[in-house]
N, C-alpha and C. Protein backbone atom coordinates (compact mmCIF):
# COMPACT_ATOMS: atom_id res chain seq x y z
N UNK A 1 72.96 10.33 -34.33
CA UNK A 1 72.78 9.81 -35.67
C UNK A 1 73.06 8.31 -35.65
N UNK A 2 72.18 7.53 -36.21
CA UNK A 2 72.35 6.08 -36.16
C UNK A 2 72.98 5.56 -37.43
N UNK A 3 73.78 4.53 -37.28
CA UNK A 3 74.34 3.86 -38.44
C UNK A 3 73.26 3.01 -39.10
N UNK A 4 73.53 2.58 -40.30
CA UNK A 4 72.54 1.79 -41.04
C UNK A 4 72.41 0.38 -40.50
N UNK A 5 73.42 -0.14 -39.84
CA UNK A 5 73.39 -1.49 -39.26
C UNK A 5 72.99 -2.55 -40.29
N UNK A 6 73.49 -2.43 -41.48
CA UNK A 6 73.21 -3.38 -42.55
C UNK A 6 74.55 -3.92 -43.03
N UNK A 7 74.94 -5.13 -42.63
CA UNK A 7 76.29 -5.62 -42.92
C UNK A 7 76.55 -6.00 -44.37
N UNK A 8 75.50 -6.13 -45.20
CA UNK A 8 75.69 -6.48 -46.61
C UNK A 8 74.68 -5.72 -47.46
N UNK A 9 75.13 -5.27 -48.64
CA UNK A 9 74.24 -4.53 -49.53
C UNK A 9 74.52 -4.93 -50.97
N UNK A 10 73.46 -5.10 -51.76
CA UNK A 10 73.56 -5.32 -53.19
C UNK A 10 73.41 -3.95 -53.85
N UNK A 11 74.39 -3.55 -54.66
CA UNK A 11 74.35 -2.23 -55.28
C UNK A 11 73.79 -2.26 -56.69
N UNK A 12 73.63 -3.45 -57.26
CA UNK A 12 73.18 -3.56 -58.64
C UNK A 12 74.37 -3.76 -59.56
N UNK A 13 74.12 -4.27 -60.74
CA UNK A 13 75.19 -4.48 -61.70
C UNK A 13 76.24 -5.47 -61.23
N UNK A 14 75.87 -6.36 -60.31
CA UNK A 14 76.82 -7.34 -59.80
C UNK A 14 77.75 -6.81 -58.72
N UNK A 15 77.54 -5.58 -58.27
CA UNK A 15 78.36 -4.98 -57.22
C UNK A 15 77.76 -5.31 -55.86
N UNK A 16 78.64 -5.61 -54.91
CA UNK A 16 78.18 -6.00 -53.57
C UNK A 16 79.12 -5.46 -52.50
N UNK A 17 78.53 -5.00 -51.40
CA UNK A 17 79.27 -4.61 -50.21
C UNK A 17 79.00 -5.66 -49.14
N UNK A 18 80.04 -6.04 -48.40
CA UNK A 18 79.86 -7.03 -47.34
C UNK A 18 80.74 -6.68 -46.15
N UNK A 19 80.41 -7.26 -45.01
CA UNK A 19 81.20 -7.04 -43.80
C UNK A 19 81.21 -5.61 -43.33
N UNK A 20 80.17 -4.85 -43.64
CA UNK A 20 80.14 -3.44 -43.26
C UNK A 20 80.02 -3.27 -41.75
N UNK A 21 80.86 -2.41 -41.24
CA UNK A 21 80.84 -2.06 -39.81
C UNK A 21 80.81 -0.55 -39.71
N UNK A 22 79.97 -0.02 -38.84
CA UNK A 22 79.81 1.41 -38.68
C UNK A 22 80.56 1.93 -37.48
N UNK A 23 81.02 3.16 -37.59
CA UNK A 23 81.71 3.83 -36.50
C UNK A 23 81.19 5.25 -36.42
N UNK A 24 80.51 5.56 -35.34
CA UNK A 24 80.04 6.91 -35.11
C UNK A 24 81.04 7.60 -34.21
N UNK A 25 81.43 8.79 -34.55
CA UNK A 25 82.40 9.52 -33.75
C UNK A 25 81.73 10.23 -32.58
N UNK A 26 82.43 10.29 -31.48
CA UNK A 26 81.99 11.08 -30.34
C UNK A 26 81.93 12.54 -30.77
N UNK A 27 80.90 13.25 -30.34
CA UNK A 27 80.70 14.64 -30.77
C UNK A 27 81.93 15.51 -30.50
N UNK A 28 82.67 15.25 -29.44
CA UNK A 28 83.85 16.07 -29.14
C UNK A 28 84.97 15.86 -30.16
N UNK A 29 84.92 14.74 -30.90
CA UNK A 29 85.94 14.46 -31.92
C UNK A 29 85.55 14.97 -33.30
N UNK A 30 84.32 15.42 -33.46
CA UNK A 30 83.85 15.93 -34.75
C UNK A 30 84.01 17.44 -34.73
N UNK A 31 84.92 17.94 -35.55
CA UNK A 31 85.23 19.37 -35.51
C UNK A 31 84.66 20.16 -36.69
N UNK A 32 84.30 19.49 -37.78
CA UNK A 32 83.86 20.23 -38.95
C UNK A 32 82.43 19.90 -39.38
N UNK A 33 81.66 19.23 -38.50
CA UNK A 33 80.28 18.87 -38.83
C UNK A 33 79.49 18.71 -37.54
N UNK A 34 78.16 18.70 -37.68
CA UNK A 34 77.31 18.45 -36.52
C UNK A 34 77.33 16.97 -36.13
N UNK A 35 77.54 16.10 -37.12
CA UNK A 35 77.62 14.66 -36.86
C UNK A 35 78.35 13.99 -38.02
N UNK A 36 79.07 12.92 -37.73
CA UNK A 36 79.79 12.17 -38.77
C UNK A 36 79.71 10.68 -38.48
N UNK A 37 79.77 9.89 -39.54
CA UNK A 37 79.69 8.45 -39.46
C UNK A 37 80.58 7.85 -40.53
N UNK A 38 81.33 6.81 -40.20
CA UNK A 38 82.13 6.06 -41.17
C UNK A 38 81.63 4.63 -41.20
N UNK A 39 81.62 4.02 -42.38
CA UNK A 39 81.39 2.58 -42.52
C UNK A 39 82.54 2.02 -43.34
N UNK A 40 82.99 0.84 -42.98
CA UNK A 40 84.06 0.18 -43.72
C UNK A 40 83.68 -1.27 -43.93
N UNK A 41 84.09 -1.83 -45.05
CA UNK A 41 83.80 -3.22 -45.36
C UNK A 41 84.55 -3.64 -46.61
N UNK A 42 83.94 -4.55 -47.35
CA UNK A 42 84.55 -5.11 -48.56
C UNK A 42 83.64 -4.88 -49.75
N UNK A 43 84.26 -4.63 -50.92
CA UNK A 43 83.55 -4.42 -52.17
C UNK A 43 83.94 -5.52 -53.16
N UNK A 44 82.95 -6.07 -53.85
CA UNK A 44 83.22 -6.98 -54.97
C UNK A 44 82.31 -6.58 -56.12
N UNK A 45 82.81 -6.79 -57.32
CA UNK A 45 82.00 -6.48 -58.49
C UNK A 45 82.82 -6.59 -59.75
N UNK A 46 82.15 -6.51 -60.90
CA UNK A 46 82.85 -6.59 -62.17
C UNK A 46 83.95 -5.53 -62.28
N UNK A 47 85.11 -5.94 -62.72
CA UNK A 47 86.22 -5.01 -62.92
C UNK A 47 86.93 -4.58 -61.65
N UNK A 48 86.57 -5.16 -60.51
CA UNK A 48 87.19 -4.72 -59.26
C UNK A 48 88.50 -5.44 -58.96
N UNK A 49 88.82 -6.46 -59.75
CA UNK A 49 90.05 -7.20 -59.49
C UNK A 49 89.98 -8.05 -58.24
N UNK A 50 88.78 -8.46 -57.86
CA UNK A 50 88.61 -9.25 -56.65
C UNK A 50 88.02 -8.42 -55.53
N UNK A 51 88.11 -8.91 -54.33
CA UNK A 51 87.56 -8.21 -53.16
C UNK A 51 88.48 -7.05 -52.78
N UNK A 52 87.89 -5.88 -52.61
CA UNK A 52 88.63 -4.67 -52.26
C UNK A 52 88.06 -4.06 -50.99
N UNK A 53 88.90 -3.34 -50.25
CA UNK A 53 88.41 -2.59 -49.09
C UNK A 53 87.50 -1.47 -49.58
N UNK A 54 86.58 -1.06 -48.72
CA UNK A 54 85.60 -0.03 -49.07
C UNK A 54 85.34 0.82 -47.83
N UNK A 55 85.27 2.14 -48.02
CA UNK A 55 84.98 3.07 -46.92
C UNK A 55 83.92 4.06 -47.40
N UNK A 56 82.98 4.34 -46.53
CA UNK A 56 81.92 5.30 -46.82
C UNK A 56 81.81 6.23 -45.61
N UNK A 57 81.71 7.53 -45.87
CA UNK A 57 81.53 8.46 -44.75
C UNK A 57 80.35 9.37 -45.04
N UNK A 58 79.67 9.75 -43.98
CA UNK A 58 78.52 10.64 -44.08
C UNK A 58 78.66 11.68 -42.98
N UNK A 59 78.41 12.94 -43.33
CA UNK A 59 78.47 14.02 -42.36
C UNK A 59 77.27 14.92 -42.54
N UNK A 60 76.93 15.63 -41.47
CA UNK A 60 75.80 16.54 -41.50
C UNK A 60 76.19 17.87 -40.89
N UNK A 61 75.82 18.94 -41.60
CA UNK A 61 75.91 20.30 -41.07
C UNK A 61 74.51 20.89 -41.19
N UNK A 62 73.86 21.13 -40.06
CA UNK A 62 72.49 21.62 -40.10
C UNK A 62 71.63 20.69 -40.94
N UNK A 63 70.90 21.24 -41.93
CA UNK A 63 70.02 20.40 -42.75
C UNK A 63 70.72 19.71 -43.92
N UNK A 64 72.01 19.97 -44.11
CA UNK A 64 72.74 19.44 -45.27
C UNK A 64 73.52 18.18 -44.89
N UNK A 65 73.30 17.10 -45.64
CA UNK A 65 74.03 15.85 -45.44
C UNK A 65 74.93 15.61 -46.64
N UNK A 66 76.18 15.24 -46.37
CA UNK A 66 77.14 14.93 -47.43
C UNK A 66 77.62 13.50 -47.26
N UNK A 67 78.10 12.90 -48.35
CA UNK A 67 78.63 11.54 -48.28
C UNK A 67 79.78 11.39 -49.26
N UNK A 68 80.74 10.56 -48.90
CA UNK A 68 81.89 10.25 -49.74
C UNK A 68 82.13 8.75 -49.64
N UNK A 69 82.34 8.08 -50.78
CA UNK A 69 82.69 6.66 -50.75
C UNK A 69 84.01 6.46 -51.48
N UNK A 70 84.80 5.51 -50.99
CA UNK A 70 86.12 5.22 -51.56
C UNK A 70 86.27 3.71 -51.66
N UNK A 71 86.55 3.24 -52.87
CA UNK A 71 86.79 1.81 -53.10
C UNK A 71 88.28 1.61 -53.29
N UNK A 72 88.81 0.63 -52.60
CA UNK A 72 90.24 0.35 -52.68
C UNK A 72 90.65 -0.30 -53.98
N UNK A 73 91.94 -0.44 -54.14
CA UNK A 73 92.54 -1.10 -55.29
C UNK A 73 93.87 -1.68 -54.84
N UNK A 74 94.46 -2.49 -55.68
CA UNK A 74 95.74 -3.10 -55.34
C UNK A 74 96.75 -2.02 -54.95
N UNK A 75 97.46 -2.26 -53.86
CA UNK A 75 98.48 -1.33 -53.39
C UNK A 75 97.99 -0.32 -52.36
N UNK A 76 96.69 -0.29 -52.09
CA UNK A 76 96.13 0.64 -51.11
C UNK A 76 95.71 -0.13 -49.86
N UNK A 77 96.02 0.42 -48.71
CA UNK A 77 95.62 -0.15 -47.43
C UNK A 77 94.32 0.50 -46.97
N UNK A 78 93.63 -0.13 -46.03
CA UNK A 78 92.41 0.43 -45.49
C UNK A 78 92.67 1.81 -44.87
N UNK A 79 93.83 2.00 -44.26
CA UNK A 79 94.16 3.31 -43.68
C UNK A 79 94.26 4.38 -44.76
N UNK A 80 94.71 4.01 -45.97
CA UNK A 80 94.74 4.96 -47.09
C UNK A 80 93.32 5.40 -47.45
N UNK A 81 92.41 4.44 -47.49
CA UNK A 81 91.03 4.75 -47.83
C UNK A 81 90.38 5.65 -46.79
N UNK A 82 90.64 5.38 -45.52
CA UNK A 82 90.10 6.23 -44.45
C UNK A 82 90.61 7.65 -44.58
N UNK A 83 91.89 7.80 -44.87
CA UNK A 83 92.48 9.14 -45.05
C UNK A 83 91.85 9.85 -46.25
N UNK A 84 91.74 9.14 -47.38
CA UNK A 84 91.16 9.73 -48.58
C UNK A 84 89.71 10.14 -48.34
N UNK A 85 88.93 9.29 -47.66
CA UNK A 85 87.54 9.61 -47.35
C UNK A 85 87.45 10.82 -46.43
N UNK A 86 88.31 10.89 -45.43
CA UNK A 86 88.30 12.03 -44.50
C UNK A 86 88.66 13.33 -45.22
N UNK A 87 89.68 13.27 -46.07
CA UNK A 87 90.09 14.47 -46.81
C UNK A 87 89.01 14.90 -47.80
N UNK A 88 88.43 13.92 -48.52
CA UNK A 88 87.36 14.24 -49.46
C UNK A 88 86.14 14.79 -48.77
N UNK A 89 85.78 14.17 -47.65
CA UNK A 89 84.64 14.65 -46.88
C UNK A 89 84.84 16.06 -46.37
N UNK A 90 86.04 16.37 -45.91
CA UNK A 90 86.34 17.72 -45.42
C UNK A 90 86.22 18.74 -46.54
N UNK A 91 86.67 18.39 -47.73
CA UNK A 91 86.56 19.31 -48.88
C UNK A 91 85.11 19.56 -49.24
N UNK A 92 84.28 18.52 -49.20
CA UNK A 92 82.86 18.69 -49.49
C UNK A 92 82.21 19.56 -48.42
N UNK A 93 82.49 19.29 -47.15
CA UNK A 93 81.91 20.07 -46.06
C UNK A 93 82.33 21.53 -46.12
N UNK A 94 83.55 21.79 -46.55
CA UNK A 94 84.04 23.16 -46.64
C UNK A 94 83.20 23.98 -47.62
N UNK A 95 82.66 23.30 -48.62
CA UNK A 95 81.88 23.99 -49.66
C UNK A 95 80.41 24.16 -49.28
N UNK A 96 80.01 23.58 -48.15
CA UNK A 96 78.60 23.70 -47.73
C UNK A 96 78.36 25.07 -47.13
């Protein structure tokens, strides 16, 4: 599975993602899906309180693809967002 390789995206409404970097997991490390991918970067937009960390994950089980995105806020570290995205993604995959 290939990453999007797009380091910046305009989401509309003045929202923007920048500095996106993709990480594809080795198949032996993916235990609950056929394939998984994480992207992390920065989010800016109205009401965001400035630049915030951003994490997006995508997983696939057979023909079904799921995705979870997490935008940071004051007091949250990037590691918190990765954990929240992983937990949220696992819950979604469990329901597939």
